[in-house]
N, C-alpha and C. Protein backbone atom coordinates (compact mmCIF):
# COMPACT_ATOMS: atom_id res chain seq x y z
N UNK A 1 27.19 159.15 15.48
CA UNK A 1 28.65 158.86 16.29
C UNK A 1 28.87 159.97 16.99
N UNK A 2 29.19 159.28 18.31
CA UNK A 2 29.27 160.15 19.79
C UNK A 2 31.19 160.63 19.68
N UNK A 3 31.19 161.66 20.02
CA UNK A 3 33.06 162.21 20.30
C UNK A 3 33.61 161.00 20.69
N UNK A 4 33.30 160.33 21.39
CA UNK A 4 34.17 159.06 21.61
C UNK A 4 34.90 157.98 20.75
N UNK A 5 33.51 157.81 19.97
CA UNK A 5 33.56 157.09 18.60
C UNK A 5 34.57 157.42 17.35
N UNK A 6 34.52 158.63 17.24
CA UNK A 6 35.47 159.49 16.32
C UNK A 6 36.77 159.19 16.32
N UNK A 7 37.37 159.52 17.77
CA UNK A 7 38.68 159.26 17.84
C UNK A 7 39.35 157.27 17.86
N UNK A 8 38.32 156.83 18.42
CA UNK A 8 38.22 155.12 18.52
C UNK A 8 38.64 155.03 16.61
N UNK A 9 37.69 155.07 15.96
CA UNK A 9 37.25 155.13 14.44
C UNK A 9 38.75 155.24 13.72
N UNK A 10 39.18 156.66 14.13
CA UNK A 10 40.20 157.27 13.80
C UNK A 10 41.19 156.28 14.17
N UNK A 11 41.87 155.80 15.19
CA UNK A 11 42.72 155.23 15.78
C UNK A 11 42.37 153.65 14.97
N UNK A 12 41.53 153.26 15.21
CA UNK A 12 41.18 151.76 14.52
C UNK A 12 41.68 152.05 12.64
N UNK A 13 41.36 153.05 12.20
CA UNK A 13 41.86 152.90 10.67
C UNK A 13 43.06 153.32 10.88
N UNK A 14 43.99 154.16 11.52
CA UNK A 14 45.35 154.42 11.52
C UNK A 14 45.82 153.07 11.99
N UNK A 15 45.37 152.44 12.86
CA UNK A 15 46.47 150.92 13.04
C UNK A 15 46.05 150.10 12.25
N UNK A 16 45.55 149.91 11.65
CA UNK A 16 44.73 149.03 10.59
C UNK A 16 45.81 149.27 9.47
N UNK A 17 45.88 150.60 8.92
CA UNK A 17 46.94 151.11 7.68
C UNK A 17 48.51 151.06 8.13
N UNK A 18 48.55 151.17 9.47
CA UNK A 18 49.83 151.02 9.82
C UNK A 18 50.19 149.28 9.99
N UNK A 19 49.47 148.73 10.29
CA UNK A 19 49.47 147.28 10.16
C UNK A 19 49.77 146.60 9.30
N UNK A 20 48.76 147.08 8.12
CA UNK A 20 48.55 146.06 6.89
C UNK A 20 50.19 145.89 6.27
N UNK A 21 50.96 147.02 6.00
CA UNK A 21 52.35 146.66 5.45
C UNK A 21 53.25 146.10 6.44
N UNK A 22 53.32 146.27 7.48
CA UNK A 22 54.05 145.61 8.24
C UNK A 22 53.79 143.80 8.20
N UNK A 23 52.67 144.02 8.73
CA UNK A 23 52.14 142.47 8.43
C UNK A 23 52.52 142.16 6.97
N UNK A 24 52.34 142.59 6.13
CA UNK A 24 52.50 141.94 4.84
C UNK A 24 53.75 141.50 4.62
N UNK A 25 54.87 142.92 4.88
CA UNK A 25 56.04 142.24 4.57
C UNK A 25 56.85 141.05 5.68
N UNK A 26 55.86 140.81 6.86
CA UNK A 26 56.33 139.98 7.98
C UNK A 26 56.02 138.61 7.41
N UNK A 27 54.90 138.61 6.75
CA UNK A 27 54.55 137.50 5.84
C UNK A 27 55.25 136.70 5.07
N UNK A 28 55.65 138.44 4.24
CA UNK A 28 56.49 137.67 3.28
C UNK A 28 57.93 137.21 3.40
N UNK A 29 58.23 137.44 4.62
CA UNK A 29 59.55 137.47 4.86
C UNK A 29 59.73 135.80 5.55
N UNK A 30 58.46 135.63 6.45
CA UNK A 30 58.71 134.71 7.10
C UNK A 30 57.91 133.32 6.76
N UNK A 31 56.80 133.84 5.49
CA UNK A 31 56.58 132.50 4.93
C UNK A 31 55.84 131.81 5.53
N UNK A 32 54.74 132.37 6.44
CA UNK A 32 54.11 132.02 7.43
C UNK A 32 53.09 130.98 7.22
N UNK A 33 52.53 131.14 5.43
CA UNK A 33 51.38 130.50 4.98
C UNK A 33 50.26 130.54 6.16
N UNK A 34 49.71 131.80 7.00
CA UNK A 34 48.59 131.88 7.30
C UNK A 34 48.71 131.56 8.63
N UNK A 35 50.11 130.74 9.02
CA UNK A 35 50.41 130.90 10.57
C UNK A 35 50.86 131.92 11.03
N UNK A 36 50.21 132.77 12.62
CA UNK A 36 50.60 133.70 12.73
C UNK A 36 52.03 133.61 13.20
N UNK A 37 53.18 134.35 12.70
CA UNK A 37 54.32 134.44 13.55
C UNK A 37 54.63 135.25 14.67
N UNK A 38 55.97 134.79 15.36
CA UNK A 38 56.03 135.70 16.15
C UNK A 38 56.28 137.35 16.27
N UNK A 39 56.64 137.75 15.14
CA UNK A 39 56.47 139.06 14.62
C UNK A 39 54.92 139.42 14.55
N UNK A 40 54.22 138.75 14.04
CA UNK A 40 52.75 139.61 13.55
C UNK A 40 52.20 139.47 15.40
N UNK A 41 52.35 138.43 16.01
CA UNK A 41 51.86 138.27 17.34
C UNK A 41 52.43 139.57 18.08
N UNK A 42 53.62 140.20 17.87
CA UNK A 42 54.21 141.71 18.32
C UNK A 42 53.42 142.60 17.79
N UNK A 43 53.22 142.68 16.85
CA UNK A 43 52.79 143.76 15.95
C UNK A 43 51.26 143.85 16.60
N UNK A 44 50.48 142.75 17.12
CA UNK A 44 49.16 142.80 17.45
C UNK A 44 49.21 143.21 18.74
N UNK A 45 50.00 142.77 19.47
CA UNK A 45 50.21 143.29 20.96
C UNK A 45 50.48 144.69 21.38
N UNK A 46 51.40 144.85 20.13
CA UNK A 46 51.75 146.84 20.21
C UNK A 46 50.34 147.74 19.86
N UNK A 47 49.55 146.66 19.11
CA UNK A 47 48.20 147.43 18.81
C UNK A 47 47.36 146.95 19.83
N UNK A 48 47.60 146.44 20.49
CA UNK A 48 46.58 146.28 21.79
C UNK A 48 47.59 147.08 22.70
N UNK A 49 48.50 147.38 23.24
CA UNK A 49 48.93 148.64 24.01
C UNK A 49 48.38 149.76 23.55
N UNK A 50 48.93 150.14 22.43
CA UNK A 50 48.20 151.39 22.28
C UNK A 50 46.76 152.09 21.95
N UNK A 51 46.03 150.79 21.78
CA UNK A 51 44.28 151.03 21.90
C UNK A 51 44.28 151.19 23.62
N UNK A 52 44.86 150.26 24.48
CA UNK A 52 44.86 150.44 25.60
C UNK A 52 45.52 151.77 26.43
N UNK A 53 46.32 152.34 25.99
CA UNK A 53 46.57 153.64 26.06
C UNK A 53 46.09 154.68 25.80
N UNK A 54 45.46 154.42 24.68
CA UNK A 54 44.60 155.45 24.18
C UNK A 54 43.21 155.53 24.52
N UNK A 55 42.64 154.42 24.86
CA UNK A 55 41.34 154.30 25.77
C UNK A 55 41.65 155.11 27.09
N UNK A 56 42.98 154.67 27.94
CA UNK A 56 42.96 155.20 29.27
C UNK A 56 42.98 156.78 28.92
N UNK A 57 43.82 157.38 27.93
CA UNK A 57 43.96 158.86 28.15
C UNK A 57 42.48 159.45 27.36
N UNK A 58 41.75 158.86 26.64
CA UNK A 58 40.85 159.20 26.46
C UNK A 58 39.38 158.89 26.99
N UNK A 59 39.58 158.18 27.91
CA UNK A 59 38.65 157.56 29.06
C UNK A 59 37.43 156.74 28.40
N UNK A 60 38.01 156.03 27.53
CA UNK A 60 37.44 155.41 26.63
C UNK A 60 37.56 154.03 26.94
N UNK A 61 36.59 153.64 27.96
CA UNK A 61 36.55 151.92 28.34
C UNK A 61 36.17 151.03 27.26
N UNK A 62 35.57 151.03 26.22
CA UNK A 62 35.42 150.39 25.13
C UNK A 62 36.78 150.14 24.18
N UNK A 63 37.28 151.29 24.42
CA UNK A 63 38.99 151.57 23.25
C UNK A 63 39.15 150.25 24.45
N UNK A 64 39.65 150.06 25.61
CA UNK A 64 40.15 149.57 26.64
C UNK A 64 40.01 147.97 26.64
N UNK A 65 38.82 147.93 26.51
CA UNK A 65 38.04 146.54 26.27
C UNK A 65 38.75 146.08 25.05
N UNK A 66 38.58 146.76 23.78
CA UNK A 66 38.64 146.16 22.86
C UNK A 66 40.67 145.57 22.79
N UNK A 67 41.42 146.33 23.22
CA UNK A 67 42.54 146.15 23.70
C UNK A 67 42.53 145.10 24.27
N UNK A 68 41.94 144.64 25.37
CA UNK A 68 42.06 143.41 26.37
C UNK A 68 41.73 142.44 25.53
N UNK A 69 40.51 142.57 24.57
CA UNK A 69 40.38 141.38 23.55
C UNK A 69 41.31 141.24 22.61
N UNK A 70 41.97 142.18 22.15
CA UNK A 70 42.81 141.93 20.82
C UNK A 70 44.61 141.53 21.71
N UNK A 71 44.48 141.76 22.87
CA UNK A 71 45.35 141.33 23.71
C UNK A 71 45.34 139.62 23.86
N UNK A 72 43.91 139.31 24.20
CA UNK A 72 43.70 137.87 24.64
C UNK A 72 43.96 137.00 23.53
N UNK A 73 43.21 137.57 22.07
CA UNK A 73 43.44 136.96 20.92
C UNK A 73 44.78 137.06 20.81
N UNK A 74 45.83 137.75 21.27
CA UNK A 74 46.81 137.59 20.65
C UNK A 74 47.77 136.60 21.48
N UNK A 75 47.30 136.38 22.98
CA UNK A 75 47.62 135.32 23.69
C UNK A 75 47.25 133.95 23.24
N UNK A 76 45.95 134.00 22.55
CA UNK A 76 45.14 132.14 22.20
C UNK A 76 45.77 132.09 20.90
N UNK A 77 46.32 133.14 20.07
CA UNK A 77 46.90 132.60 18.58
C UNK A 77 48.28 132.40 18.97
N UNK A 78 49.06 133.13 20.06
CA UNK A 78 50.30 132.54 20.52
C UNK A 78 50.16 131.09 20.72
N UNK A 79 49.38 130.90 22.07
CA UNK A 79 49.33 129.56 22.33
C UNK A 79 48.68 128.31 21.23
N UNK A 80 47.84 128.86 20.42
CA UNK A 80 47.57 128.02 19.07
C UNK A 80 48.84 127.71 18.51
N UNK A 81 49.80 128.59 18.16
CA UNK A 81 51.27 128.87 17.35
C UNK A 81 51.92 127.43 18.33
N UNK A 82 52.15 127.98 19.77
CA UNK A 82 52.83 126.71 20.59
C UNK A 82 52.35 125.46 20.20
N UNK A 83 51.21 125.21 20.61
CA UNK A 83 50.40 124.06 20.39
C UNK A 83 50.76 123.30 19.15
N UNK A 84 50.50 124.15 18.19
CA UNK A 84 50.78 123.66 16.51
C UNK A 84 52.35 123.66 16.37
N UNK A 85 53.11 123.88 17.12
CA UNK A 85 54.42 123.98 16.64
C UNK A 85 54.81 122.45 17.66
N UNK A 86 54.21 122.20 18.60
CA UNK A 86 54.57 121.33 19.84
C UNK A 86 54.13 120.06 19.04
N UNK A 87 53.05 120.13 18.27
CA UNK A 87 52.57 118.86 17.47
C UNK A 87 53.08 118.62 16.37
N UNK A 88 53.66 119.68 15.75
CA UNK A 88 54.71 119.18 14.80
C UNK A 88 55.92 118.71 14.93
N UNK A 89 55.88 119.25 16.13
CA UNK A 89 57.35 118.69 16.75
C UNK A 89 57.31 117.51 17.16
N UNK A 90 56.02 116.83 17.93
CA UNK A 90 55.71 115.50 18.06
C UNK A 90 55.86 114.51 16.71
N UNK A 91 54.79 115.29 15.49
CA UNK A 91 55.09 114.75 14.38
C UNK A 91 56.07 114.33 13.99
N UNK A 92 57.39 115.05 14.11
CA UNK A 92 58.44 115.08 13.27
C UNK A 92 59.16 114.29 14.45
N UNK A 93 59.24 114.12 15.64
CA UNK A 93 59.85 112.96 16.22
C UNK A 93 59.08 111.82 16.29
N UNK A 94 57.67 111.64 15.97
CA UNK A 94 57.25 110.28 15.45
C UNK A 94 57.72 109.80 14.38
N UNK A 95 58.10 111.22 13.20
CA UNK A 95 58.28 110.08 12.08
C UNK A 95 59.46 110.01 12.33
N UNK A 96 60.70 110.38 12.84
CA UNK A 96 62.16 110.05 13.29
C UNK A 96 61.72 109.06 14.19
N UNK A 97 60.90 108.62 14.91
CA UNK A 97 61.44 107.37 15.32
C UNK A 97 60.84 106.27 14.74
N UNK A 98 59.81 106.42 13.87
CA UNK A 98 59.26 105.55 12.62
C UNK A 98 60.21 105.11 11.65
N UNK A 99 61.37 106.57 11.32
CA UNK A 99 62.12 105.97 10.36
C UNK A 99 63.32 105.26 11.36
N UNK A 100 63.50 105.74 12.39
CA UNK A 100 64.40 105.13 13.18
C UNK A 100 64.42 103.28 13.61
N UNK A 101 62.75 103.48 13.64
CA UNK A 101 62.28 101.63 13.55
C UNK A 101 62.47 100.91 12.36
N UNK A 102 62.52 101.87 11.42
CA UNK A 102 62.64 101.26 10.00
C UNK A 102 63.69 100.84 9.80
N UNK A 103 64.77 101.80 10.41
CA UNK A 103 66.17 101.72 9.60
C UNK A 103 66.44 100.36 10.71
N UNK A 104 66.48 100.28 11.70
CA UNK A 104 66.85 99.40 12.62
C UNK A 104 66.37 98.06 12.33
N UNK A 105 64.95 98.18 11.59
CA UNK A 105 64.33 96.49 11.47
C UNK A 105 64.82 96.41 9.88
N UNK A 106 65.15 97.07 9.31
CA UNK A 106 65.83 96.92 7.87
C UNK A 106 67.26 96.14 8.30
N UNK A 107 68.13 96.90 9.64
CA UNK A 107 69.48 96.45 9.93
C UNK A 107 69.04 95.22 10.21
N UNK A 108 68.40 95.22 11.26
CA UNK A 108 67.97 93.59 11.63
C UNK A 108 68.01 92.57 10.47
N UNK A 109 66.57 92.91 9.68
CA UNK A 109 66.79 92.02 8.44
C UNK A 109 67.97 91.74 7.89
N UNK A 110 68.60 93.09 7.43
CA UNK A 110 70.00 92.51 6.93
C UNK A 110 70.98 91.39 7.55
N UNK A 111 70.92 91.76 8.83
CA UNK A 111 71.75 91.01 9.94
C UNK A 111 71.09 89.53 9.36
N UNK A 112 69.92 89.38 9.49
CA UNK A 112 69.15 88.01 9.66
C UNK A 112 69.81 87.29 8.35
N UNK A 113 69.63 88.20 7.64
CA UNK A 113 69.76 87.39 6.08
C UNK A 113 71.29 87.36 6.20
N UNK A 114 72.36 88.10 6.67
CA UNK A 114 73.57 87.56 6.17
C UNK A 114 73.76 86.47 7.24
N UNK A 115 73.16 86.34 8.28
CA UNK A 115 73.27 85.02 9.30
C UNK A 115 73.30 83.77 8.44
N UNK A 116 71.83 83.98 8.27
CA UNK A 116 71.34 82.94 7.17
C UNK A 116 71.57 82.16 6.25
N UNK A 117 72.30 83.61 5.35
CA UNK A 117 73.21 83.41 4.47
C UNK A 117 74.54 82.34 4.20
N UNK A 118 74.94 82.68 5.95
CA UNK A 118 76.51 82.17 6.42
C UNK A 118 76.24 80.69 6.72
N UNK A 119 75.09 80.32 7.28
CA UNK A 119 74.75 79.43 7.62
C UNK A 119 74.06 78.33 6.34
N UNK A 120 73.63 79.22 5.39
CA UNK A 120 73.28 77.86 4.34
C UNK A 120 74.62 77.62 3.42
N UNK A 121 75.23 79.24 3.51
CA UNK A 121 76.90 78.56 2.77
C UNK A 121 77.62 77.23 3.70
N UNK A 122 77.41 77.32 5.14
CA UNK A 122 78.22 76.46 5.75
C UNK A 122 77.72 75.15 5.62
N UNK A 123 76.33 75.25 5.44
CA UNK A 123 75.26 73.83 5.44
C UNK A 123 76.08 73.30 4.16
N UNK A 124 75.95 74.02 3.07
CA UNK A 124 76.36 73.61 1.97
C UNK A 124 77.91 73.36 1.73
N UNK A 125 78.62 73.67 2.29
CA UNK A 125 79.61 73.43 2.35
C UNK A 125 79.95 71.96 3.41
N UNK A 126 79.23 71.40 4.00
CA UNK A 126 79.24 70.72 4.93
C UNK A 126 78.93 69.50 4.39
N UNK A 127 77.89 70.05 3.57
CA UNK A 127 77.13 68.63 2.72
C UNK A 127 77.70 68.62 1.62
N UNK A 128 78.74 69.12 0.99
CA UNK A 128 79.74 68.94 -0.24
C UNK A 128 80.77 68.32 0.33
N UNK A 129 81.68 69.10 1.88
CA UNK A 129 82.34 67.96 2.24
C UNK A 129 81.93 66.30 2.31
N UNK A 130 81.06 66.22 3.06
CA UNK A 130 80.43 64.93 3.13
C UNK A 130 80.24 64.06 2.04
N UNK A 131 79.66 64.72 0.79
CA UNK A 131 79.54 63.97 -0.56
C UNK A 131 81.41 63.60 -0.70
N UNK A 132 82.11 64.82 -0.70
CA UNK A 132 82.99 64.36 -1.22
C UNK A 132 83.93 63.24 -0.39
N UNK A 133 83.50 62.83 1.00
CA UNK A 133 84.42 62.17 1.65
C UNK A 133 83.77 61.16 1.51
N UNK A 134 82.20 60.78 1.18
CA UNK A 134 81.55 59.48 0.77
C UNK A 134 82.11 59.11 -0.38
N UNK A 135 82.27 60.15 -1.27
CA UNK A 135 83.18 59.64 -2.60
C UNK A 135 84.15 58.76 -2.73
N UNK A 136 84.97 59.58 -1.70
CA UNK A 136 86.44 58.95 -1.52
C UNK A 136 86.41 57.71 -0.71
N UNK A 137 85.65 57.64 0.06
CA UNK A 137 85.38 56.37 0.78
C UNK A 137 85.30 55.08 -0.15
N UNK A 138 83.74 55.96 -0.85
CA UNK A 138 83.54 54.65 -1.91
C UNK A 138 84.32 54.26 -2.80
N UNK A 139 85.40 55.22 -3.24
CA UNK A 139 86.29 54.91 -4.03
C UNK A 139 87.39 54.01 -3.66
N UNK A 140 87.69 54.39 -2.17
CA UNK A 140 88.90 53.62 -1.85
C UNK A 140 88.21 52.06 -1.38
N UNK A 141 86.55 51.88 -1.32
CA UNK A 141 86.08 50.65 -1.27
C UNK A 141 86.09 50.08 -2.34
N UNK A 142 86.08 50.30 -3.29
CA UNK A 142 85.93 49.45 -4.61
C UNK A 142 87.22 49.61 -4.90
N UNK A 143 88.55 50.18 -4.68
CA UNK A 143 89.74 50.03 -4.95
C UNK A 143 90.36 48.74 -4.21
N UNK A 144 89.79 48.63 -2.87
CA UNK A 144 90.00 47.53 -2.06
C UNK A 144 89.49 46.49 -2.26
N UNK A 145 88.16 46.44 -2.64
CA UNK A 145 87.50 45.63 -3.51
C UNK A 145 88.41 44.77 -4.63
N UNK A 146 88.90 45.47 -5.45
CA UNK A 146 89.40 45.25 -6.86
C UNK A 146 90.32 44.46 -6.08
N UNK A 147 91.59 45.21 -4.99
CA UNK A 147 92.34 44.57 -5.23
C UNK A 147 92.56 43.32 -4.35
N UNK A 148 91.09 43.06 -3.54
CA UNK A 148 90.88 41.72 -3.10
C UNK A 148 90.45 40.76 -3.89
N UNK A 149 89.73 41.44 -5.09
CA UNK A 149 89.62 40.17 -5.86
C UNK A 149 90.81 40.19 -6.89
N UNK A 150 91.63 40.99 -7.09
CA UNK A 150 92.75 40.71 -8.07
C UNK A 150 93.56 39.70 -7.33
N UNK A 151 93.70 39.97 -5.73
CA UNK A 151 94.26 38.84 -5.31
C UNK A 151 94.32 37.77 -5.03
N UNK A 152 92.67 37.88 -5.05
CA UNK A 152 92.06 36.19 -4.91
C UNK A 152 92.02 35.41 -6.32
N UNK A 153 92.16 36.46 -7.22
CA UNK A 153 92.21 35.68 -8.95
C UNK A 153 93.74 35.22 -8.92
N UNK A 154 94.90 36.08 -8.26
CA UNK A 154 96.14 35.89 -8.59
C UNK A 154 96.32 34.40 -7.66
N UNK A 155 95.96 34.44 -6.28
CA UNK A 155 96.14 33.63 -5.33
C UNK A 155 95.26 31.93 -6.35
N UNK A 156 93.93 32.16 -6.91
CA UNK A 156 93.52 31.05 -7.45
C UNK A 156 94.40 30.41 -8.70
N UNK A 157 94.69 31.66 -9.26
CA UNK A 157 95.55 31.20 -10.42
C UNK A 157 97.04 30.29 -10.16
N UNK A 158 97.99 31.25 -8.89
CA UNK A 158 98.80 30.25 -8.68
C UNK A 158 98.56 28.78 -8.07
N UNK A 159 97.42 28.94 -7.38
CA UNK A 159 97.05 27.42 -6.94
C UNK A 159 96.95 26.49 -7.55
N UNK A 160 96.17 27.05 -8.76
CA UNK A 160 96.35 26.18 -10.17
C UNK A 160 97.22 26.14 -11.18
N UNK A 161 98.20 26.64 -10.95
CA UNK A 161 99.70 26.57 -11.74
C UNK A 161 100.30 25.49 -10.67
N UNK A 162 100.00 25.76 -9.56
CA UNK A 162 101.22 24.96 -8.43
C UNK A 162 100.21 23.71 -8.81
N UNK A 163 98.93 23.43 -8.80
CA UNK A 163 98.23 21.66 -9.05
C UNK A 163 98.88 21.56 -10.30
N UNK A 164 98.79 22.33 -11.39
CA UNK A 164 98.84 21.44 -12.64
C UNK A 164 100.67 20.86 -12.68
N UNK A 165 101.51 22.07 -11.69
CA UNK A 165 102.71 21.02 -11.76
C UNK A 165 102.74 20.45 -11.07
N UNK A 166 102.14 20.08 -9.80
CA UNK A 166 101.94 18.82 -9.12
C UNK A 166 101.76 18.00 -10.05
N UNK A 167 100.60 18.14 -10.73
CA UNK A 167 99.73 16.78 -11.74
C UNK A 167 100.73 16.44 -12.53
N UNK A 168 101.90 17.66 -13.31
CA UNK A 168 102.85 17.13 -13.87
C UNK A 168 104.06 16.46 -13.89
N UNK A 169 104.06 16.74 -12.73
CA UNK A 169 105.67 16.33 -11.91
C UNK A 169 104.99 14.48 -11.65
N UNK A 170 103.90 14.52 -11.37
CA UNK A 170 103.27 12.93 -10.78
C UNK A 170 103.26 12.05 -11.94
N UNK A 171 102.73 12.97 -13.01
CA UNK A 171 102.59 12.07 -14.11
C UNK A 171 104.40 12.25 -15.01
N UNK A 172 105.00 12.91 -14.59
CA UNK A 172 106.45 12.76 -15.17
C UNK A 172 106.84 11.47 -14.07
N UNK A 173 106.93 11.71 -13.14
CA UNK A 173 107.53 10.61 -12.18
C UNK A 173 106.67 9.05 -12.29
N UNK A 174 105.50 9.51 -12.94
CA UNK A 174 104.96 7.87 -13.09
C UNK A 174 105.08 7.51 -14.27
N UNK A 175 105.58 8.50 -15.36
CA UNK A 175 106.29 7.83 -16.51
C UNK A 175 107.79 7.37 -16.63
N UNK A 176 108.37 7.87 -15.51
CA UNK A 176 109.55 7.33 -15.35
C UNK A 176 109.82 6.23 -14.63
N UNK A 177 108.74 5.94 -13.57
CA UNK A 177 108.76 4.80 -13.08
C UNK A 177 108.06 3.64 -14.07
N UNK A 178 107.18 3.92 -15.01
CA UNK A 178 107.04 3.04 -15.88
C UNK A 178 108.07 2.57 -17.11
N UNK A 179 108.80 3.62 -17.22
CA UNK A 179 110.00 3.43 -18.08
C UNK A 179 111.20 2.57 -17.26
N UNK A 180 111.25 2.64 -16.13
CA UNK A 180 112.20 1.72 -15.37
C UNK A 180 111.61 0.63 -15.28
N UNK A 181 110.62 0.26 -15.33
CA UNK A 181 109.78 -1.14 -15.11
C UNK A 181 109.89 -1.56 -16.34
N UNK A 182 109.80 -0.82 -17.55
CA UNK A 182 109.79 -1.71 -18.91
C UNK A 182 111.43 -1.48 -18.87
N UNK A 183 111.95 -0.93 -18.66
CA UNK A 183 113.50 -1.47 -18.48
C UNK A 183 113.73 -2.58 -18.13
N UNK A 184 113.71 -2.50 -16.60
CA UNK A 184 113.78 -3.71 -15.94
C UNK A 184 113.44 -5.16 -16.47
N UNK A 185 111.85 -4.78 -17.18
CA UNK A 185 111.69 -6.49 -17.66
C UNK A 185 112.50 -6.96 -18.68
N UNK A 186 112.79 -5.92 -19.47
CA UNK A 186 113.21 -5.82 -20.80
C UNK A 186 115.18 -6.69 -20.32
N UNK A 187 115.67 -5.89 -19.55
CA UNK A 187 116.63 -6.27 -19.05
C UNK A 187 116.96 -8.08 -18.36
N UNK A 188 115.80 -8.14 -17.85
CA UNK A 188 115.48 -9.21 -17.17
C UNK A 188 115.27 -10.63 -18.26
N UNK A 189 114.61 -10.02 -19.19
CA UNK A 189 114.41 -10.74 -20.46
C UNK A 189 115.50 -10.75 -20.97
N UNK A 190 116.48 -10.13 -21.31
CA UNK A 190 117.49 -10.52 -21.80
C UNK A 190 118.62 -11.30 -21.11
N UNK A 191 118.78 -10.90 -20.13
CA UNK A 191 119.51 -11.69 -18.81
C UNK A 191 118.81 -13.27 -19.08
N UNK A 192 117.82 -13.51 -19.01
CA UNK A 192 117.47 -14.47 -19.38
C UNK A 192 117.62 -15.45 -20.25
N UNK A 193 117.48 -14.65 -21.54
CA UNK A 193 118.02 -15.55 -22.70
C UNK A 193 119.17 -15.66 -22.89
N UNK A 194 120.23 -14.70 -22.41
CA UNK A 194 121.25 -14.68 -22.53
C UNK A 194 121.88 -16.32 -21.35
N UNK A 195 121.23 -16.32 -20.56
CA UNK A 195 121.38 -17.44 -19.05
C UNK A 195 121.16 -18.61 -19.95
N UNK A 196 120.05 -18.67 -20.68
CA UNK A 196 119.62 -20.09 -21.53
C UNK A 196 120.72 -20.29 -22.45
N UNK A 197 121.41 -19.47 -23.30
CA UNK A 197 122.23 -19.56 -24.14
C UNK A 197 123.59 -19.93 -23.33
N UNK A 198 123.69 -19.83 -22.67
CA UNK A 198 124.95 -20.25 -21.77
C UNK A 198 124.95 -21.55 -21.00
N UNK A 199 123.58 -22.01 -20.74
CA UNK A 199 123.43 -23.22 -20.38
C UNK A 199 123.69 -24.40 -21.78
N UNK A 200 122.91 -23.76 -22.49
CA UNK A 200 123.11 -24.83 -23.86
C UNK A 200 124.60 -24.77 -24.47
N UNK A 201 125.23 -23.68 -24.48
CA UNK A 201 126.32 -24.04 -24.81
C UNK A 201 127.32 -24.88 -23.73
N UNK A 202 127.03 -24.68 -22.45
CA UNK A 202 127.98 -25.60 -21.53
C UNK A 202 127.50 -27.13 -21.83
N UNK A 203 126.16 -27.38 -22.15
CA UNK A 203 126.12 -28.69 -22.19
C UNK A 203 126.08 -29.20 -23.61
N UNK A 204 126.70 -28.31 -24.60
CA UNK A 204 127.24 -28.60 -25.70
C UNK A 204 128.79 -29.34 -25.84
N UNK A 205 129.36 -28.33 -24.92
CA UNK A 205 130.57 -28.69 -24.65
C UNK A 205 130.94 -29.87 -23.48
N UNK A 206 130.15 -30.10 -22.80
CA UNK A 206 130.29 -31.24 -22.02
C UNK A 206 130.67 -32.51 -22.48
N UNK A 207 131.56 -33.53 -22.37
CA UNK A 207 131.62 -35.01 -22.67
C UNK A 207 130.48 -35.66 -22.45
N UNK A 208 129.78 -36.61 -23.41
CA UNK A 208 128.87 -37.65 -23.14
C UNK A 208 129.20 -38.52 -22.18
N UNK A 209 128.56 -38.66 -21.25
CA UNK A 209 128.91 -39.92 -20.33
C UNK A 209 128.49 -41.12 -21.07
N UNK A 210 128.76 -42.16 -20.67
CA UNK A 210 128.37 -43.89 -21.59
C UNK A 210 127.52 -44.01 -20.38
N UNK A 211 126.57 -45.21 -20.89
CA UNK A 211 125.69 -45.84 -19.96
C UNK A 211 126.33 -46.69 -19.33
């Protein structure tokens, strides 16, 4: 071990001993779960700066290179954290877009279902209205048919009554005519008989002429 490596080893041990509790507290507070936080990266940069200053003061180029490597590693970890954060952001945005699309699709489906239900209800209502109208039309047709049949039956019955009345009137007239004829015949026979009696009486009363 050279004179330069002694201060370098001591400084490394000192910085590690200093960083450990600070880093532990930071991880407990930030709950980074292994992902370097901004505070941890700041501690790493302070560590690199102290090494760089010490290397410059001690003329230890290797210590300054170590500081550069640590600073570069801190930059790379910060970049990785940023990339991971960007990836998480894109992932979150993707989930949000997917959720928005799902909600939009669900709203669209609900709206389509609502319109379909309205159309179905309207179609059922129209069908019911058509059935009711057809039933009323059929009822009116049957009533009209019944009225027509009843009117025709009444007309036939009235016609039959008129025909029977006319037949009875003709029969009555014929009977009256026969009775009148019989009465006239009897009267004629009576008159003829009375005329014969009168003639016989006249003959009996008139004087006999001599020959």
